[in-house]
Amino acid sequence: MRYRRTDRQETFSPLRDKSLKNMLRHQFVTEFGYENKVIFAEAMIDRILETMGTFTRPSDLLRPGQFLWMAVVNDGRKHCRKRMRDTPQVPVILDLVTDDDLEALAEGQDFKAVRRQRQARLLKQAMNQGGVLAQGDLAALVLVPTSRSAKISPLISKKTAAFFLTGARSRTLVPP
C-alpha cells in the first residue's frame, strides 16, 4: 500500500527545504564540485552554520545602548604580532551608552572623564565575557586615535583590571 500525502503536506512540506543549509548544500554540489562528496559538503556546511551561530545573537538579548562586538579570545595565549584575521575571536555584548553615561553628561561632567569611564567599562565587560579588546577596537568604539586610547589606558588601570591589546604587545591593566 502506497502512502498518499495530504494536500497540506504537498503544499507546505517543500517549504521546509527553503533553508540556508539547503541553499549552501546546493551550491557546494552544483558550483564547487561536491556531487560525489555530499556527506563531506554537509559536514562543512554544519561547521559554517555553527560558526555563524557564534557570531550572531538574537536581537532580544540586546538592550538599548548595547551592541555585539568580536573581541580577541582571552585564552591566556599571546596573540600579539598576529593579523586579526588569524586570531581567534569571541562575540561579546558591550554597553556603548548607559544611563550613567547620559546622567554624567547631563550633569556637565567632562567628555574626557565620561570617555575614560566608557573605555574602562568596555574593557571590563569584554574580559568578563572571555574577550580582550584590541587598541584599535577601543579607538573605533570611542572615536579617538589609537595614540590617545593608549595614553588613556594608564588612567583606566586605576579604576579597573582589564586586558588591553596593542598592535605589538598586550598589557594587563591592574588597579593599584
Protein backbone atom coordinates (compact mmCIF):
# COMPACT_ATOMS: atom_id res chain seq x y z
CA MET A 1 0.00 0.00 0.00
CA ARG A 2 1.35 3.35 -1.03
CA TYR A 3 1.22 6.30 1.35
CA ARG A 4 -0.56 9.33 -0.10
CA ARG A 5 0.44 12.76 1.14
CA THR A 6 -2.29 15.19 2.04
CA ASP A 7 -2.75 18.43 0.15
CA ARG A 8 -1.28 20.34 3.06
CA GLN A 9 1.77 18.10 3.15
CA GLU A 10 2.28 18.56 -0.59
CA THR A 11 1.91 22.32 -0.23
CA PHE A 12 3.89 23.03 2.91
CA SER A 13 6.50 20.28 3.26
CA PRO A 14 8.64 21.58 0.37
CA LEU A 15 8.76 24.98 2.08
CA ARG A 16 10.73 23.38 4.93
CA ASP A 17 13.53 22.77 2.42
CA LYS A 18 13.90 26.52 1.83
CA SER A 19 16.78 26.98 4.24
CA LEU A 20 20.26 28.40 4.28
CA LYS A 21 21.64 24.91 4.88
CA ASN A 22 19.96 23.53 1.76
CA MET A 23 20.97 26.54 -0.33
CA LEU A 24 24.60 26.07 0.70
CA ARG A 25 24.36 22.33 0.02
CA HIS A 26 23.05 23.05 -3.46
CA GLN A 27 25.90 25.50 -4.14
CA PHE A 28 28.55 23.08 -2.87
CA VAL A 29 27.19 20.32 -5.07
CA THR A 30 26.50 22.32 -8.24
CA GLU A 31 29.14 25.05 -8.18
CA PHE A 32 32.08 23.63 -6.22
CA GLY A 33 32.19 20.04 -7.46
CA TYR A 34 30.92 18.15 -4.39
CA GLU A 35 28.49 15.93 -6.36
CA ASN A 36 30.22 12.77 -5.12
CA LYS A 37 31.11 14.19 -1.71
CA VAL A 38 27.73 15.27 -0.36
CA ILE A 39 28.45 13.95 3.15
CA PHE A 40 31.68 15.98 3.30
CA ALA A 41 29.83 19.06 1.98
CA GLU A 42 27.13 18.66 4.63
CA ALA A 43 29.77 18.39 7.38
CA MET A 44 31.41 21.60 6.13
CA ILE A 45 28.04 23.34 5.96
CA ASP A 46 27.22 22.31 9.54
CA ARG A 47 30.56 23.77 10.64
CA ILE A 48 29.92 27.01 8.70
CA LEU A 49 26.47 27.38 10.26
CA GLU A 50 27.89 26.66 13.71
CA THR A 51 30.49 29.39 13.19
CA MET A 52 27.81 31.80 12.00
CA GLY A 53 25.83 30.99 15.13
CA THR A 54 28.72 32.06 17.35
CA PHE A 55 28.97 35.38 15.50
CA THR A 56 25.33 36.30 15.94
CA ARG A 57 22.99 36.75 18.85
CA PRO A 58 19.21 37.16 18.92
CA SER A 59 18.27 40.82 18.99
CA ASP A 60 16.12 40.27 22.07
CA LEU A 61 19.33 39.70 24.07
CA LEU A 62 20.40 43.28 23.39
CA ARG A 63 19.09 46.25 25.32
CA PRO A 64 19.12 49.82 24.01
CA GLY A 65 22.70 51.12 24.03
CA GLN A 66 24.22 47.64 23.66
CA PHE A 67 25.87 46.03 20.64
CA LEU A 68 27.62 42.84 19.62
CA TRP A 69 31.38 43.07 19.03
CA MET A 70 34.00 40.50 18.16
CA ALA A 71 36.80 40.54 20.75
CA VAL A 72 40.05 38.59 20.79
CA VAL A 73 39.70 35.39 22.80
CA ASN A 74 41.18 35.76 26.29
CA ASP A 75 42.62 32.26 26.42
CA GLY A 76 45.91 33.06 28.13
CA ARG A 77 47.90 32.87 24.90
CA LYS A 78 49.64 35.80 23.36
CA HIS A 79 48.02 36.90 20.14
CA CYS A 80 50.25 39.86 19.51
CA ARG A 81 52.05 40.26 16.19
CA LYS A 82 49.27 38.28 14.51
CA ARG A 83 46.89 39.60 11.93
CA MET A 84 43.40 39.95 13.33
CA ARG A 85 42.03 37.52 10.74
CA ASP A 86 44.40 34.85 12.10
CA THR A 87 43.42 35.47 15.72
CA PRO A 88 40.62 33.54 17.48
CA GLN A 89 37.69 35.76 18.37
CA VAL A 90 34.66 35.62 20.62
CA PRO A 91 31.42 37.63 20.42
CA VAL A 92 30.82 39.94 23.37
CA ILE A 93 27.90 42.20 24.20
CA LEU A 94 29.06 45.65 25.24
CA ASP A 95 27.28 48.70 26.64
CA LEU A 96 28.23 51.63 24.44
CA VAL A 97 25.85 54.10 26.09
CA THR A 98 24.46 53.64 29.59
CA ASP A 99 22.14 55.65 31.79
CA ASP A 100 25.17 56.52 33.95
CA ASP A 101 26.93 58.00 30.89
CA LEU A 102 23.91 60.08 29.98
CA GLU A 103 23.40 61.23 33.56
CA ALA A 104 27.06 62.25 33.87
CA LEU A 105 26.89 64.19 30.60
CA ALA A 106 23.61 65.86 31.60
CA GLU A 107 25.19 66.94 34.90
CA GLY A 108 28.00 68.62 32.97
CA GLN A 109 30.77 66.09 33.57
CA ASP A 110 33.72 66.47 31.20
CA PHE A 111 33.57 64.41 27.99
CA LYS A 112 37.06 63.05 28.67
CA ALA A 113 36.02 61.67 32.04
CA VAL A 114 32.94 60.00 30.57
CA ARG A 115 35.05 58.58 27.73
CA ARG A 116 37.52 57.11 30.23
CA GLN A 117 34.67 55.53 32.19
CA ARG A 118 33.27 54.12 28.95
CA GLN A 119 36.63 52.67 27.93
CA ALA A 120 37.09 51.06 31.35
CA ARG A 121 33.58 49.61 31.18
CA LEU A 122 34.11 48.22 27.67
CA LEU A 123 37.42 46.59 28.64
CA LYS A 124 35.93 45.04 31.76
CA GLN A 125 32.78 43.82 30.02
CA ALA A 126 34.81 42.17 27.26
CA MET A 127 37.07 40.50 29.81
CA ASN A 128 34.09 39.23 31.84
CA GLN A 129 32.80 37.54 28.68
CA GLY A 130 36.11 35.88 27.80
CA GLY A 131 37.39 38.51 25.41
CA VAL A 132 40.06 41.15 25.12
CA LEU A 133 39.68 44.40 23.21
CA ALA A 134 42.46 45.48 20.91
CA GLN A 135 43.71 49.05 20.96
CA GLY A 136 42.10 49.54 17.56
CA ASP A 137 38.78 48.29 18.95
CA LEU A 138 38.76 50.96 21.64
CA ALA A 139 39.82 53.63 19.19
CA ALA A 140 36.96 52.72 16.84
CA LEU A 141 34.36 52.39 19.60
CA VAL A 142 35.03 55.71 21.29
CA LEU A 143 36.24 57.54 18.16
CA VAL A 144 39.70 58.53 19.27
CA PRO A 145 43.07 57.90 17.62
CA THR A 146 44.92 54.82 18.84
CA SER A 147 47.62 57.08 20.26
CA ARG A 148 45.04 58.72 22.52
CA SER A 149 43.49 55.42 23.63
CA ALA A 150 47.00 54.25 24.57
CA LYS A 151 47.50 57.41 26.65
CA ILE A 152 44.18 56.92 28.40
CA SER A 153 44.92 53.30 29.34
CA PRO A 154 47.03 54.14 32.43
CA LEU A 155 44.15 56.26 33.70
CA ILE A 156 41.75 53.38 33.18
CA SER A 157 44.04 50.99 35.01
CA LYS A 158 43.49 52.91 38.23
CA LYS A 159 39.80 52.03 38.21
CA THR A 160 39.55 48.54 36.74
CA ALA A 161 41.55 45.44 35.97
CA ALA A 162 41.35 44.66 32.29
CA PHE A 163 43.35 43.49 29.34
CA PHE A 164 44.22 45.84 26.57
CA LEU A 165 45.86 44.62 23.38
CA THR A 166 48.15 46.89 21.44
CA GLY A 167 49.47 46.18 17.99
CA ALA A 168 52.79 44.82 19.19
CA ARG A 169 52.09 43.58 22.71
CA SER A 170 49.37 43.12 25.26
CA ARG A 171 49.18 44.98 28.53
CA THR A 172 47.43 43.95 31.66
CA LEU A 173 45.77 46.87 33.31
CA VAL A 174 45.56 46.20 37.03
CA PRO A 175 44.30 48.61 39.66
CA PRO A 176 46.97 49.81 42.13
